[in-house]
Amino acid sequence: ALVHSAERDNSLRGFPCLSHCSFQLDRDGVLHCAALYRSHFMFERAYGNYLGLGRLTRYVAQRAGLRLGTLTVMAGYAQLDGPVTRIRPLLMGAQSLIPAA
C-alpha cells in the first residue's frame, strides 16, 4: 500500500507522521512493537494512533502464533494541541510551564 504520494501529500499536515514501526520478538515468544512519530498531536490523534498500532501488533502476533507484548511509542516532537485550559491539569506537576493566571 502506498503511504506517501508526492503528487497528493504536499501539505505539512498531509505528510504521514509515523516514521518507523519495528517489531521485536523476545526469548519467550512475545511480540513487542516500537513506533516513532516525527511529530505527534497528543490530544487530537494520539489515542486513535495507539489503537491502530495496538490492533496491528495484535494482528501480527496472532498471524505469527505469538503472544502479544508491549507497545512503545516515541515522538520526536510531541505537540500539546488544544486549549491550554484543557491541558493545564496534565501539567500541574510542572509549575514552571504554566503561565500565571
Protein backbone atom coordinates (compact mmCIF):
# COMPACT_ATOMS: atom_id res chain seq x y z
CA ALA A 1 0.00 0.00 0.00
CA LEU A 2 1.18 3.49 -0.82
CA VAL A 3 1.94 5.53 2.31
CA HIS A 4 3.09 8.80 0.76
CA SER A 5 2.29 10.20 -2.67
CA ALA A 6 4.38 13.24 -3.63
CA GLU A 7 1.66 14.42 -6.02
CA ARG A 8 -1.11 14.43 -3.39
CA ASP A 9 0.59 14.69 0.00
CA ASN A 10 2.39 18.01 -0.31
CA SER A 11 0.91 19.97 2.58
CA LEU A 12 2.54 19.98 6.01
CA ARG A 13 -0.43 18.28 7.66
CA GLY A 14 -0.78 15.78 4.81
CA PHE A 15 2.58 14.11 5.33
CA PRO A 16 2.50 10.96 7.45
CA CYS A 17 3.82 11.47 10.97
CA LEU A 18 4.62 7.80 11.62
CA SER A 19 8.26 7.45 10.62
CA HIS A 20 9.15 3.98 11.82
CA CYS A 21 7.45 0.91 13.23
CA SER A 22 9.52 -2.01 14.49
CA PHE A 23 8.51 -5.42 15.81
CA GLN A 24 10.72 -7.25 18.30
CA LEU A 25 10.41 -10.86 19.37
CA ASP A 26 11.71 -11.68 22.83
CA ARG A 27 13.03 -15.04 24.05
CA ASP A 28 9.65 -16.00 25.49
CA GLY A 29 7.84 -15.75 22.14
CA VAL A 30 6.26 -12.39 22.92
CA LEU A 31 5.94 -9.82 20.13
CA HIS A 32 6.56 -6.16 21.04
CA CYS A 33 6.11 -3.08 18.87
CA ALA A 34 8.00 0.22 18.93
CA ALA A 35 6.81 3.16 16.85
CA LEU A 36 8.48 6.50 16.16
CA TYR A 37 6.50 9.57 15.15
CA ARG A 38 8.31 12.60 13.73
CA SER A 39 5.53 14.75 15.17
CA HIS A 40 2.54 13.76 17.27
CA PHE A 41 -0.64 15.64 18.14
CA MET A 42 -1.07 14.34 21.68
CA PHE A 43 -4.78 15.09 22.10
CA GLU A 44 -6.33 15.11 18.62
CA ARG A 45 -4.74 11.97 17.20
CA ALA A 46 -2.62 10.07 19.71
CA TYR A 47 -5.36 7.80 21.09
CA GLY A 48 -6.52 6.73 17.63
CA ASN A 49 -2.92 6.13 16.57
CA TYR A 50 -2.31 3.99 19.66
CA LEU A 51 -5.43 1.94 18.95
CA GLY A 52 -4.35 1.36 15.36
CA LEU A 53 -0.82 0.35 16.33
CA GLY A 54 -2.14 -1.92 19.07
CA ARG A 55 -4.50 -3.62 16.64
CA LEU A 56 -1.71 -4.01 14.09
CA THR A 57 0.56 -5.57 16.70
CA ARG A 58 -2.21 -7.92 17.83
CA TYR A 59 -2.89 -8.95 14.22
CA VAL A 60 0.79 -9.67 13.52
CA ALA A 61 1.13 -11.62 16.78
CA GLN A 62 -1.98 -13.69 16.07
CA ARG A 63 -0.96 -14.48 12.49
CA ALA A 64 2.55 -15.48 13.64
CA GLY A 65 1.25 -17.55 16.56
CA LEU A 66 2.96 -15.33 19.13
CA ARG A 67 1.84 -13.74 22.37
CA LEU A 68 1.07 -10.04 22.39
CA GLY A 69 3.58 -7.83 24.20
CA THR A 70 4.04 -4.13 24.77
CA LEU A 71 3.56 -1.12 22.54
CA THR A 72 6.11 1.68 22.93
CA VAL A 73 5.53 4.99 21.14
CA MET A 74 8.12 7.76 20.86
CA ALA A 75 7.61 11.21 19.38
CA GLY A 76 10.34 13.48 18.07
CA TYR A 77 8.04 16.44 18.64
CA ALA A 78 5.01 15.91 20.87
CA GLN A 79 2.52 18.70 20.21
CA LEU A 80 0.17 19.58 23.04
CA ASP A 81 -2.68 20.63 20.80
CA GLY A 82 -5.91 22.04 22.15
CA PRO A 83 -6.85 24.84 24.54
CA VAL A 84 -4.46 25.37 27.44
CA THR A 85 -7.38 25.18 29.90
CA ARG A 86 -7.90 21.53 28.95
CA ILE A 87 -4.17 20.78 29.11
CA ARG A 88 -3.48 22.61 32.40
CA PRO A 89 -4.47 19.71 34.72
CA LEU A 90 -1.93 17.47 32.99
CA LEU A 91 0.84 19.98 33.61
CA MET A 92 0.18 20.65 37.28
CA GLY A 93 3.40 18.88 38.27
CA ALA A 94 5.42 21.20 36.00
CA GLN A 95 4.62 24.59 37.50
CA SER A 96 7.29 26.43 35.50
CA LEU A 97 5.48 25.56 32.26
CA ILE A 98 2.17 27.06 33.39
CA PRO A 99 1.79 30.83 32.96
CA ALA A 100 0.31 32.71 35.90
CA ALA A 101 -3.44 33.16 35.53
